[in-house]
PDB file of N, CA and C in Angstrom:
ATOM      1  N   MET A   1     105.952 101.174  88.979  1.00  0.00           N
ATOM      2  CA  MET A   1     106.733 101.496  90.159  1.00  0.00           C
ATOM      3  C   MET A   1     107.000 100.196  90.907  1.00  0.00           C
ATOM      4  N   LYS A   2     108.252  99.978  91.232  1.00  0.00           N
ATOM      5  CA  LYS A   2     108.644  98.757  91.939  1.00  0.00           C
ATOM      6  C   LYS A   2     108.798  99.051  93.427  1.00  0.00           C
ATOM      7  N   ILE A   3     108.015  98.340  94.231  1.00  0.00           N
ATOM      8  CA  ILE A   3     108.062  98.502  95.679  1.00  0.00           C
ATOM      9  C   ILE A   3     108.855  97.338  96.269  1.00  0.00           C
ATOM     10  N   GLU A   4     109.916  97.656  96.991  1.00  0.00           N
ATOM     11  CA  GLU A   4     110.759  96.612  97.572  1.00  0.00           C
ATOM     12  C   GLU A   4     110.688  96.653  99.088  1.00  0.00           C
ATOM     13  N   TRP A   5     110.629  95.455  99.657  1.00  0.00           N
ATOM     14  CA  TRP A   5     110.611  95.295 101.111  1.00  0.00           C
ATOM     15  C   TRP A   5     111.910  94.654 101.559  1.00  0.00           C
ATOM     16  N   VAL A   6     112.433  95.085 102.683  1.00  0.00           N
ATOM     17  CA  VAL A   6     113.612  94.467 103.286  1.00  0.00           C
ATOM     18  C   VAL A   6     113.114  93.332 104.174  1.00  0.00           C
ATOM     19  N   ASP A   7     113.692  92.143 103.989  1.00  0.00           N
ATOM     20  CA  ASP A   7     113.270  90.978 104.780  1.00  0.00           C
ATOM     21  C   ASP A   7     113.292  91.281 106.276  1.00  0.00           C
ATOM     22  N   GLY A   8     112.235  90.856 106.950  1.00  0.00           N
ATOM     23  CA  GLY A   8     112.143  91.023 108.395  1.00  0.00           C
ATOM     24  C   GLY A   8     111.523  92.337 108.829  1.00  0.00           C
ATOM     25  N   PHE A   9     110.967  93.092 107.883  1.00  0.00           N
ATOM     26  CA  PHE A   9     110.405  94.401 108.236  1.00  0.00           C
ATOM     27  C   PHE A   9     109.226  94.279 109.190  1.00  0.00           C
ATOM     28  N   GLU A  10     109.105  95.241 110.066  1.00  0.00           N
ATOM     29  CA  GLU A  10     107.948  95.386 110.958  1.00  0.00           C
ATOM     30  C   GLU A  10     107.592  96.863 111.007  1.00  0.00           C
ATOM     31  N   ILE A  11     106.333  97.164 110.718  1.00  0.00           N
ATOM     32  CA  ILE A  11     105.854  98.544 110.740  1.00  0.00           C
ATOM     33  C   ILE A  11     104.509  98.558 111.448  1.00  0.00           C
ATOM     34  N   LYS A  12     104.354  99.461 112.381  1.00  0.00           N
ATOM     35  CA  LYS A  12     103.086  99.622 113.095  1.00  0.00           C
ATOM     36  C   LYS A  12     102.731 101.104 113.095  1.00  0.00           C
ATOM     37  N   THR A  13     101.457 101.392 112.912  1.00  0.00           N
ATOM     38  CA  THR A  13     100.997 102.776 112.957  1.00  0.00           C
ATOM     39  C   THR A  13      99.804 102.882 113.891  1.00  0.00           C
ATOM     40  N   VAL A  14      99.749 103.999 114.582  1.00  0.00           N
ATOM     41  CA  VAL A  14      98.592 104.300 115.436  1.00  0.00           C
ATOM     42  C   VAL A  14      98.224 105.762 115.227  1.00  0.00           C
ATOM     43  N   SER A  15      96.949 106.039 115.390  1.00  0.00           N
ATOM     44  CA  SER A  15      96.448 107.401 115.316  1.00  0.00           C
ATOM     45  C   SER A  15      96.068 107.816 116.734  1.00  0.00           C
ATOM     46  N   GLU A  16      96.735 108.860 117.230  1.00  0.00           N
ATOM     47  CA  GLU A  16      96.504 109.330 118.598  1.00  0.00           C
ATOM     48  C   GLU A  16      96.342 110.846 118.593  1.00  0.00           C
ATOM     49  N   ASN A  17      95.216 111.330 119.064  1.00  0.00           N
ATOM     50  CA  ASN A  17      94.998 112.768 119.206  1.00  0.00           C
ATOM     51  C   ASN A  17      95.276 113.535 117.916  1.00  0.00           C
ATOM     52  N   GLY A  18      94.838 112.972 116.790  1.00  0.00           N
ATOM     53  CA  GLY A  18      95.016 113.641 115.512  1.00  0.00           C
ATOM     54  C   GLY A  18      96.398 113.493 114.902  1.00  0.00           C
ATOM     55  N   GLU A  19      97.255 112.699 115.521  1.00  0.00           N
ATOM     56  CA  GLU A  19      98.600 112.459 115.003  1.00  0.00           C
ATOM     57  C   GLU A  19      98.721 111.001 114.585  1.00  0.00           C
ATOM     58  N   ILE A  20      99.525 110.753 113.568  1.00  0.00           N
ATOM     59  CA  ILE A  20      99.834 109.378 113.182  1.00  0.00           C
ATOM     60  C   ILE A  20     101.269 109.095 113.609  1.00  0.00           C
ATOM     61  N   VAL A  21     101.448 108.024 114.363  1.00  0.00           N
ATOM     62  CA  VAL A  21     102.771 107.608 114.812  1.00  0.00           C
ATOM     63  C   VAL A  21     103.153 106.362 114.023  1.00  0.00           C
ATOM     64  N   ILE A  22     104.290 106.416 113.340  1.00  0.00           N
ATOM     65  CA  ILE A  22     104.805 105.275 112.583  1.00  0.00           C
ATOM     66  C   ILE A  22     105.999 104.735 113.349  1.00  0.00           C
ATOM     67  N   SER A  23     105.925 103.467 113.730  1.00  0.00           N
ATOM     68  CA  SER A  23     107.017 102.801 114.453  1.00  0.00           C
ATOM     69  C   SER A  23     107.501 101.645 113.591  1.00  0.00           C
ATOM     70  N   ALA A  24     108.808 101.499 113.471  1.00  0.00           N
ATOM     71  CA  ALA A  24     109.340 100.432 112.622  1.00  0.00           C
ATOM     72  C   ALA A  24     110.712  99.995 113.124  1.00  0.00           C
ATOM     73  N   ASN A  25     111.037  98.734 112.850  1.00  0.00           N
ATOM     74  CA  ASN A  25     112.385  98.254 113.119  1.00  0.00           C
ATOM     75  C   ASN A  25     113.297  98.741 111.980  1.00  0.00           C
ATOM     76  N   ARG A  26     114.556  98.412 112.035  1.00  0.00           N
ATOM     77  CA  ARG A  26     115.523  98.870 111.021  1.00  0.00           C
ATOM     78  C   ARG A  26     115.073  98.487 109.618  1.00  0.00           C
ATOM     79  N   GLU A  27     114.661  97.233 109.461  1.00  0.00           N
ATOM     80  CA  GLU A  27     114.230  96.747 108.143  1.00  0.00           C
ATOM     81  C   GLU A  27     112.981  97.485 107.668  1.00  0.00           C
ATOM     82  N   GLY A  28     112.101  97.816 108.598  1.00  0.00           N
ATOM     83  CA  GLY A  28     110.909  98.581 108.254  1.00  0.00           C
ATOM     84  C   GLY A  28     111.251  99.984 107.805  1.00  0.00           C
ATOM     85  N   MET A  29     112.191 100.624 108.510  1.00  0.00           N
ATOM     86  CA  MET A  29     112.629 101.968 108.124  1.00  0.00           C
ATOM     87  C   MET A  29     113.285 101.958 106.747  1.00  0.00           C
ATOM     88  N   LEU A  30     114.129 100.957 106.488  1.00  0.00           N
ATOM     89  CA  LEU A  30     114.766 100.858 105.174  1.00  0.00           C
ATOM     90  C   LEU A  30     113.720 100.613 104.080  1.00  0.00           C
ATOM     91  N   SER A  31     112.716  99.796 104.380  1.00  0.00           N
ATOM     92  CA  SER A  31     111.640  99.555 103.412  1.00  0.00           C
ATOM     93  C   SER A  31     110.898 100.852 103.101  1.00  0.00           C
ATOM     94  N   LEU A  32     110.544 101.614 104.137  1.00  0.00           N
ATOM     95  CA  LEU A  32     109.854 102.889 103.924  1.00  0.00           C
ATOM     96  C   LEU A  32     110.724 103.854 103.123  1.00  0.00           C
ATOM     97  N   ALA A  33     112.022 103.875 103.397  1.00  0.00           N
ATOM     98  CA  ALA A  33     112.937 104.740 102.637  1.00  0.00           C
ATOM     99  C   ALA A  33     112.945 104.340 101.166  1.00  0.00           C
ATOM    100  N   ASN A  34     112.952 103.037 100.893  1.00  0.00           N
ATOM    101  CA  ASN A  34     112.894 102.550  99.505  1.00  0.00           C
ATOM    102  C   ASN A  34     111.601 103.002  98.840  1.00  0.00           C
ATOM    103  N   HIS A  35     110.503 102.929  99.562  1.00  0.00           N
ATOM    104  CA  HIS A  35     109.199 103.299  99.008  1.00  0.00           C
ATOM    105  C   HIS A  35     109.146 104.790  98.700  1.00  0.00           C
ATOM    106  N   LEU A  36     109.672 105.613  99.614  1.00  0.00           N
ATOM    107  CA  LEU A  36     109.683 107.059  99.387  1.00  0.00           C
ATOM    108  C   LEU A  36     110.545 107.415  98.180  1.00  0.00           C
ATOM    109  N   THR A  37     111.662 106.728  98.013  1.00  0.00           N
ATOM    110  CA  THR A  37     112.518 106.961  96.845  1.00  0.00           C
ATOM    111  C   THR A  37     111.785 106.578  95.562  1.00  0.00           C
ATOM    112  N   ALA A  38     111.095 105.436  95.573  1.00  0.00           N
ATOM    113  CA  ALA A  38     110.340 105.007  94.398  1.00  0.00           C
ATOM    114  C   ALA A  38     109.248 106.015  94.061  1.00  0.00           C
ATOM    115  N   LEU A  39     108.557 106.515  95.085  1.00  0.00           N
ATOM    116  CA  LEU A  39     107.513 107.513  94.848  1.00  0.00           C
ATOM    117  C   LEU A  39     108.108 108.812  94.323  1.00  0.00           C
ATOM    118  N   ALA A  40     109.243 109.237  94.858  1.00  0.00           N
ATOM    119  CA  ALA A  40     109.887 110.470  94.404  1.00  0.00           C
ATOM    120  C   ALA A  40     110.265 110.372  92.929  1.00  0.00           C
ATOM    121  N   ASP A  41     110.645 109.183  92.489  1.00  0.00           N
ATOM    122  CA  ASP A  41     111.018 108.967  91.093  1.00  0.00           C
ATOM    123  C   ASP A  41     109.809 108.683  90.208  1.00  0.00           C
ATOM    124  N   GLY A  42     108.643 108.515  90.815  1.00  0.00           N
ATOM    125  CA  GLY A  42     107.433 108.158  90.075  1.00  0.00           C
ATOM    126  C   GLY A  42     106.731 109.361  89.484  1.00  0.00           C
ATOM    127  N   MET A  43     105.494 109.124  89.120  1.00  0.00           N
ATOM    128  CA  MET A  43     104.656 110.132  88.493  1.00  0.00           C
ATOM    129  C   MET A  43     103.653 110.680  89.503  1.00  0.00           C
ATOM    130  N   PRO A  44     103.199 111.925  89.324  1.00  0.00           N
ATOM    131  CA  PRO A  44     102.135 112.435  90.181  1.00  0.00           C
ATOM    132  C   PRO A  44     100.934 111.483  90.165  1.00  0.00           C
ATOM    133  N   GLY A  45     100.390 111.245  91.331  1.00  0.00           N
ATOM    134  CA  GLY A  45      99.275 110.305  91.467  1.00  0.00           C
ATOM    135  C   GLY A  45      99.704 108.916  91.897  1.00  0.00           C
ATOM    136  N   ASP A  46     100.989 108.573  91.703  1.00  0.00           N
ATOM    137  CA  ASP A  46     101.475 107.291  92.215  1.00  0.00           C
ATOM    138  C   ASP A  46     101.296 107.297  93.728  1.00  0.00           C
ATOM    139  N   HIS A  47     100.957 106.155  94.285  1.00  0.00           N
ATOM    140  CA  HIS A  47     100.744 106.089  95.726  1.00  0.00           C
ATOM    141  C   HIS A  47     100.982 104.673  96.226  1.00  0.00           C
ATOM    142  N   ILE A  48     101.169 104.572  97.522  1.00  0.00           N
ATOM    143  CA  ILE A  48     101.296 103.268  98.192  1.00  0.00           C
ATOM    144  C   ILE A  48     100.306 103.274  99.347  1.00  0.00           C
ATOM    145  N   HIS A  49      99.494 102.231  99.396  1.00  0.00           N
ATOM    146  CA  HIS A  49      98.495 102.073 100.446  1.00  0.00           C
ATOM    147  C   HIS A  49      99.033 101.044 101.439  1.00  0.00           C
ATOM    148  N   TYR A  50      99.146 101.444 102.681  1.00  0.00           N
ATOM    149  CA  TYR A  50      99.622 100.558 103.743  1.00  0.00           C
ATOM    150  C   TYR A  50      98.455 100.192 104.647  1.00  0.00           C
ATOM    151  N   ASP A  51      98.293  98.899 104.895  1.00  0.00           N
ATOM    152  CA  ASP A  51      97.289  98.444 105.856  1.00  0.00           C
ATOM    153  C   ASP A  51      97.750  97.119 106.443  1.00  0.00           C
ATOM    154  N   GLU A  52      96.998  96.604 107.396  1.00  0.00           N
ATOM    155  CA  GLU A  52      97.445  95.382 108.084  1.00  0.00           C
ATOM    156  C   GLU A  52      97.317  94.141 107.209  1.00  0.00           C
ATOM    157  N   ASN A  53      96.661  94.243 106.055  1.00  0.00           N
ATOM    158  CA  ASN A  53      96.564  93.102 105.147  1.00  0.00           C
ATOM    159  C   ASN A  53      97.776  92.959 104.244  1.00  0.00           C
ATOM    160  N   ASN A  54      98.560  94.040 104.057  1.00  0.00           N
ATOM    161  CA  ASN A  54      99.688  93.924 103.140  1.00  0.00           C
ATOM    162  C   ASN A  54     101.028  94.400 103.704  1.00  0.00           C
ATOM    163  N   ALA A  55     101.042  95.068 104.851  1.00  0.00           N
ATOM    164  CA  ALA A  55     102.337  95.578 105.288  1.00  0.00           C
ATOM    165  C   ALA A  55     102.438  95.849 106.780  1.00  0.00           C
ATOM    166  N   LEU A  56     101.359  96.274 107.394  1.00  0.00           N
ATOM    167  CA  LEU A  56     101.429  96.753 108.773  1.00  0.00           C
ATOM    168  C   LEU A  56     101.079  95.673 109.783  1.00  0.00           C
ATOM    169  N   GLU A  57     101.564  95.864 110.988  1.00  0.00           N
ATOM    170  CA  GLU A  57     101.255  94.945 112.074  1.00  0.00           C
ATOM    171  C   GLU A  57      99.760  95.016 112.408  1.00  0.00           C
ATOM    172  N   GLU A  58      99.240  93.937 112.976  1.00  0.00           N
ATOM    173  CA  GLU A  58      97.827  93.864 113.340  1.00  0.00           C
ATOM    174  C   GLU A  58      97.444  95.023 114.252  1.00  0.00           C
ATOM    175  N   GLY A  59      96.296  95.616 113.983  1.00  0.00           N
ATOM    176  CA  GLY A  59      95.789  96.716 114.784  1.00  0.00           C
ATOM    177  C   GLY A  59      96.286  98.086 114.354  1.00  0.00           C
ATOM    178  N   SER A  60      97.101  98.125 113.298  1.00  0.00           N
ATOM    179  CA  SER A  60      97.650  99.392 112.820  1.00  0.00           C
ATOM    180  C   SER A  60      96.597 100.217 112.097  1.00  0.00           C
ATOM    181  N   THR A  61      96.798 101.522 112.096  1.00  0.00           N
ATOM    182  CA  THR A  61      95.979 102.457 111.334  1.00  0.00           C
ATOM    183  C   THR A  61      96.489 102.481 109.903  1.00  0.00           C
ATOM    184  N   GLU A  62      95.589 102.277 108.945  1.00  0.00           N
ATOM    185  CA  GLU A  62      96.040 102.299 107.555  1.00  0.00           C
ATOM    186  C   GLU A  62      96.316 103.727 107.110  1.00  0.00           C
ATOM    187  N   PHE A  63      97.230 103.849 106.126  1.00  0.00           N
ATOM    188  CA  PHE A  63      97.555 105.163 105.587  1.00  0.00           C
ATOM    189  C   PHE A  63      98.022 105.029 104.144  1.00  0.00           C
ATOM    190  N   ILE A  64      98.029 106.157 103.440  1.00  0.00           N
ATOM    191  CA  ILE A  64      98.449 106.210 102.040  1.00  0.00           C
ATOM    192  C   ILE A  64      99.493 107.310 101.911  1.00  0.00           C
ATOM    193  N   ILE A  65     100.553 107.023 101.162  1.00  0.00           N
ATOM    194  CA  ILE A  65     101.513 108.050 100.786  1.00  0.00           C
ATOM    195  C   ILE A  65     101.362 108.244  99.281  1.00  0.00           C
ATOM    196  N   GLU A  66     101.174 109.509  98.866  1.00  0.00           N
ATOM    197  CA  GLU A  66     100.905 109.814  97.457  1.00  0.00           C
ATOM    198  C   GLU A  66     101.881 110.860  96.932  1.00  0.00           C
ATOM    199  N   ARG A  67     102.327 110.631  95.708  1.00  0.00           N
ATOM    200  CA  ARG A  67     103.205 111.594  95.004  1.00  0.00           C
ATOM    201  C   ARG A  67     102.331 112.666  94.379  1.00  0.00           C
ATOM    202  N   ILE A  68     102.659 113.946  94.612  1.00  0.00           N
ATOM    203  CA  ILE A  68     101.899 115.035  93.988  1.00  0.00           C
ATOM    204  C   ILE A  68     102.763 115.731  92.945  1.00  0.00           C
TER     205      ILE A  68
END
Protein backbone atom coordinates (compact mmCIF):
# COMPACT_ATOMS: atom_id res chain seq x y z
CA MET A 1 0.00 0.00 0.00
CA LYS A 2 1.42 3.35 -1.03
CA ILE A 3 0.81 6.21 1.38
CA GLU A 4 1.19 9.67 -0.14
CA TRP A 5 1.47 12.98 1.67
CA VAL A 6 0.70 16.39 0.17
CA ASP A 7 3.58 18.81 0.79
CA GLY A 8 2.90 21.21 3.64
CA PHE A 9 0.40 18.99 5.45
CA GLU A 10 -0.49 19.72 9.07
CA ILE A 11 -2.66 17.39 11.12
CA LYS A 12 -3.44 17.64 14.82
CA THR A 13 -5.63 15.38 16.92
CA VAL A 14 -6.96 15.72 20.43
CA SER A 15 -9.10 13.46 22.57
CA GLU A 16 -11.77 15.38 24.49
CA ASN A 17 -14.61 13.86 26.51
CA GLY A 18 -14.40 10.55 24.68
CA GLU A 19 -14.28 12.18 21.24
CA ILE A 20 -11.36 12.46 18.86
CA VAL A 21 -11.09 15.77 17.01
CA ILE A 22 -8.98 15.78 13.83
CA SER A 23 -7.92 19.23 12.63
CA ALA A 24 -5.97 19.71 9.41
CA ASN A 25 -5.06 22.30 6.83
CA ARG A 26 -6.01 21.75 3.16
CA GLU A 27 -2.89 19.69 2.48
CA GLY A 28 -3.57 17.60 5.57
CA MET A 29 -7.15 16.92 4.48
CA LEU A 30 -5.99 15.92 1.00
CA SER A 31 -3.36 13.63 2.54
CA LEU A 32 -5.99 11.95 4.74
CA ALA A 33 -8.27 11.55 1.71
CA ASN A 34 -5.41 9.86 -0.17
CA HIS A 35 -4.82 7.53 2.78
CA LEU A 36 -8.50 6.58 3.05
CA THR A 37 -8.59 5.82 -0.68
CA ALA A 38 -5.47 3.64 -0.38
CA LEU A 39 -7.01 1.78 2.56
CA ALA A 40 -10.31 1.31 0.70
CA ASP A 41 -8.38 -0.28 -2.17
CA GLY A 42 -6.26 -2.36 0.21
CA MET A 43 -6.78 -5.64 1.98
CA PRO A 44 -8.56 -6.29 5.28
CA GLY A 45 -6.09 -5.68 8.09
CA ASP A 46 -4.23 -2.93 6.25
CA HIS A 47 -3.87 0.05 8.54
CA ILE A 48 -2.14 3.39 9.01
CA HIS A 49 -0.80 4.44 12.39
CA TYR A 50 -0.67 8.20 12.97
CA ASP A 51 1.40 9.70 15.78
CA GLU A 52 3.53 12.76 16.42
CA ASN A 53 6.68 10.89 15.34
CA ASN A 54 5.52 10.33 11.76
CA ALA A 55 2.61 12.59 10.86
CA LEU A 56 0.87 14.54 13.60
CA GLU A 57 1.67 17.84 15.24
CA GLU A 58 3.36 17.77 18.65
CA GLY A 59 0.99 16.92 21.49
CA SER A 60 -1.48 15.11 19.23
CA THR A 61 -3.36 11.97 20.26
CA GLU A 62 -2.20 9.01 18.21
CA PHE A 63 -4.74 6.97 16.27
CA ILE A 64 -5.00 4.09 13.79
CA ILE A 65 -7.27 3.71 10.79
CA GLU A 66 -7.78 0.07 9.79
CA ARG A 67 -9.44 -1.60 6.79
CA ILE A 68 -11.90 -4.34 7.80
